[in-house]
Amino acid sequence: MSPPDPHDPDHSPFAFRINTGSTEPIYRQMVEQLRRCVASGQLVAGQEMPSVREVASQLAVHPMTVSKAYSLLEAEGLLERRRGLAMRVAAQHQKAQPRAERIELLRPVLSEAAAQARQLELPAAAALKLFESILLQEGASS
């Protein structure tokens, strides 16, 4: 899949997806989602982000939640703030990170899932089968 052209006017803007049932704060979900999309090359340098108000309205969250996520991403160098203009993906993010680095981004989540599988005394094969099922099911729907 080729990365989107940030200057393509027909390109749909990035849309955050949050899990309201998660114990992870919404701003952290937004930060992690954007990190992954930049790492994968789904978001590339120059691509504009929707405004704080647009995202807050779309997700039905307080604008400060979105602003906090954007500020953290700016501090990390993933987003650039421009006076009077939309924030955009920083210039240094021209392409996807190497596969090995993207795989490492999954390690914390999978380590937690593995720990929970052990606590539930599930066989590794059953946990892997569930992961594969979820991966293929969600991949088909996104």
Protein backbone atom coordinates (compact mmCIF):
# COMPACT_ATOMS: atom_id res chain seq x y z
CA MET A 1 0.00 0.00 0.00
CA SER A 2 1.44 3.36 -0.93
CA PRO A 3 1.35 6.17 1.62
CA PRO A 4 -1.35 8.78 1.18
CA ASP A 5 -0.51 11.98 -0.63
CA PRO A 6 -0.83 14.69 2.04
CA HIS A 7 -1.59 17.23 -0.67
CA ASP A 8 -4.37 15.18 -2.25
CA PRO A 9 -7.58 17.14 -1.60
CA ASP A 10 -9.62 13.95 -1.98
CA HIS A 11 -7.68 12.18 0.75
CA SER A 12 -9.92 11.72 3.75
CA PRO A 13 -8.59 13.21 6.98
CA PHE A 14 -7.23 11.00 9.70
CA ALA A 15 -9.87 9.77 12.13
CA PHE A 16 -9.03 8.59 15.64
CA ARG A 17 -10.74 5.49 16.99
CA ILE A 18 -11.08 5.21 20.73
CA ASN A 19 -12.23 2.41 22.98
CA THR A 20 -14.49 3.92 25.62
CA GLY A 21 -14.41 0.68 27.62
CA SER A 22 -10.63 0.73 27.95
CA THR A 23 -8.87 1.59 31.20
CA GLU A 24 -6.29 3.49 29.14
CA PRO A 25 -7.02 7.24 29.13
CA ILE A 26 -8.42 8.56 25.85
CA TYR A 27 -5.51 10.93 25.24
CA ARG A 28 -3.09 7.98 25.60
CA GLN A 29 -5.14 5.93 23.13
CA MET A 30 -4.92 8.83 20.67
CA VAL A 31 -1.15 9.20 21.16
CA GLU A 32 -0.52 5.49 20.69
CA GLN A 33 -2.78 5.29 17.63
CA LEU A 34 -1.04 8.19 15.94
CA ARG A 35 2.42 6.78 16.79
CA ARG A 36 1.47 3.51 15.09
CA CYS A 37 0.04 5.24 12.03
CA VAL A 38 3.20 7.33 11.60
CA ALA A 39 5.40 4.26 12.18
CA SER A 40 3.50 2.31 9.54
CA GLY A 41 3.56 5.12 7.01
CA GLN A 42 -0.23 5.51 7.01
CA LEU A 43 0.42 9.11 8.07
CA VAL A 44 3.30 10.85 6.35
CA ALA A 45 5.17 14.14 6.62
CA GLY A 46 3.02 17.13 5.84
CA GLN A 47 -0.30 15.38 6.31
CA GLU A 48 -2.59 17.71 8.21
CA MET A 49 -4.44 16.64 11.31
CA PRO A 50 -8.05 17.55 12.00
CA SER A 51 -8.48 20.44 14.41
CA VAL A 52 -8.87 19.95 18.14
CA ARG A 53 -12.51 20.99 17.88
CA GLU A 54 -13.21 18.59 15.02
CA VAL A 55 -11.69 15.64 16.85
CA ALA A 56 -13.36 16.55 20.14
CA SER A 57 -16.72 16.78 18.40
CA GLN A 58 -16.20 13.54 16.46
CA LEU A 59 -15.20 11.58 19.56
CA ALA A 60 -17.53 13.41 21.97
CA VAL A 61 -14.64 14.23 24.31
CA HIS A 62 -13.47 17.44 25.96
CA PRO A 63 -11.22 19.55 23.69
CA MET A 64 -8.54 19.53 26.40
CA THR A 65 -8.24 15.75 25.93
CA VAL A 66 -7.40 16.22 22.26
CA SER A 67 -5.17 19.19 22.98
CA LYS A 68 -3.21 17.14 25.53
CA ALA A 69 -2.68 14.34 22.99
CA TYR A 70 -1.57 16.77 20.28
CA SER A 71 0.79 18.54 22.69
CA LEU A 72 2.43 15.24 23.69
CA LEU A 73 2.82 14.28 20.03
CA GLU A 74 4.32 17.67 19.27
CA ALA A 75 6.78 17.27 22.17
CA GLU A 76 7.80 13.87 20.74
CA GLY A 77 8.42 15.41 17.34
CA LEU A 78 5.64 13.51 15.60
CA LEU A 79 3.49 16.59 14.92
CA GLU A 80 4.35 20.16 14.04
CA ARG A 81 2.30 23.14 15.21
CA ARG A 82 1.91 26.02 12.79
CA ARG A 83 0.46 29.36 13.81
CA GLY A 84 -3.06 29.71 12.46
CA LEU A 85 -2.88 26.46 10.48
CA ALA A 86 -3.67 22.83 11.12
CA MET A 87 -1.10 20.69 12.90
CA ARG A 88 0.66 18.30 10.58
CA VAL A 89 2.92 15.28 10.67
CA ALA A 90 6.50 16.46 11.18
CA ALA A 91 8.84 16.65 8.21
CA GLN A 92 11.19 13.89 9.35
CA HIS A 93 8.47 11.24 9.01
CA GLN A 94 8.70 10.65 5.28
CA LYS A 95 8.19 6.90 5.27
CA ALA A 96 7.30 3.89 7.37
CA GLN A 97 9.71 2.68 10.04
CA PRO A 98 11.48 -0.62 9.34
CA ARG A 99 9.42 -3.71 10.10
CA ALA A 100 11.58 -4.68 13.11
CA GLU A 101 10.89 -1.31 14.76
CA ARG A 102 7.17 -1.60 14.06
CA ILE A 103 7.12 -5.09 15.56
CA GLU A 104 8.77 -3.71 18.72
CA LEU A 105 5.88 -1.26 19.07
CA LEU A 106 3.63 -4.29 19.62
CA ARG A 107 5.81 -5.82 22.35
CA PRO A 108 4.27 -4.04 25.38
CA VAL A 109 0.70 -4.92 24.38
CA LEU A 110 1.53 -8.52 23.53
CA SER A 111 3.57 -8.93 26.72
CA GLU A 112 0.55 -7.82 28.73
CA ALA A 113 -1.72 -10.18 26.77
CA ALA A 114 0.72 -13.05 27.37
CA ALA A 115 0.79 -12.31 31.10
CA GLN A 116 -3.01 -12.36 31.21
CA ALA A 117 -3.13 -15.64 29.25
CA ARG A 118 -0.73 -17.21 31.81
CA GLN A 119 -2.85 -15.88 34.71
CA LEU A 120 -5.88 -17.51 33.11
CA GLU A 121 -3.81 -20.69 32.62
CA LEU A 122 -4.64 -20.77 28.93
CA PRO A 123 -2.50 -22.95 26.66
CA ALA A 124 -0.29 -20.93 24.32
CA ALA A 125 -1.95 -22.49 21.29
CA ALA A 126 -5.39 -21.29 22.43
CA ALA A 127 -4.11 -17.76 23.05
CA LEU A 128 -2.36 -17.68 19.69
CA LYS A 129 -5.46 -18.98 17.94
CA LEU A 130 -7.54 -16.22 19.55
CA PHE A 131 -4.99 -13.57 18.56
CA GLU A 132 -4.94 -14.82 14.97
CA SER A 133 -8.73 -14.85 14.86
CA ILE A 134 -8.96 -11.27 16.17
CA LEU A 135 -6.19 -10.09 13.85
CA LEU A 136 -7.83 -11.56 10.76
CA GLN A 137 -11.32 -10.46 11.78
CA GLU A 138 -10.34 -6.85 12.50
CA GLY A 139 -8.05 -6.71 9.48
CA ALA A 140 -10.94 -7.65 7.26
CA SER A 141 -13.17 -4.95 8.72
CA SER A 142 -10.67 -2.04 8.61
